[in-house]
Amino acid sequence: MLSIGKILSGYNPVTGEIPGRPAVKRRLSDLAGCFADAPAYEMALVAGNPMLYSVAAFEPAGGDGDLHYGESACSCRGKSATSIS
């Protein structure tokens, strides 16, 4: 079992990164078919293809009941927010 200190030592709250864990980045174009208002989606896509969110995960163990954590950063209208889940 890993200590909480070892788990949290990998997360950088300033940058929102987990060292050694690549972030999966999703742009607006990656989410085609996910929105109910297809014309609005197409208009937004024509205006640009912004990155909407990124997710990085830390999976220190692989057994039943083991706890994993991840970090996600969402961008909304040019502002970003980071959360840990």
Foldseek 3Di string as FASTA:
>chain_A
DDDPCVVVVQADPVVQDRPPWDKDWDWLVNCPPVDPPNVVSVVVVVVHTGTAKIKTKADPDDDPPDDIKMKMWGDDPRDIDIDID
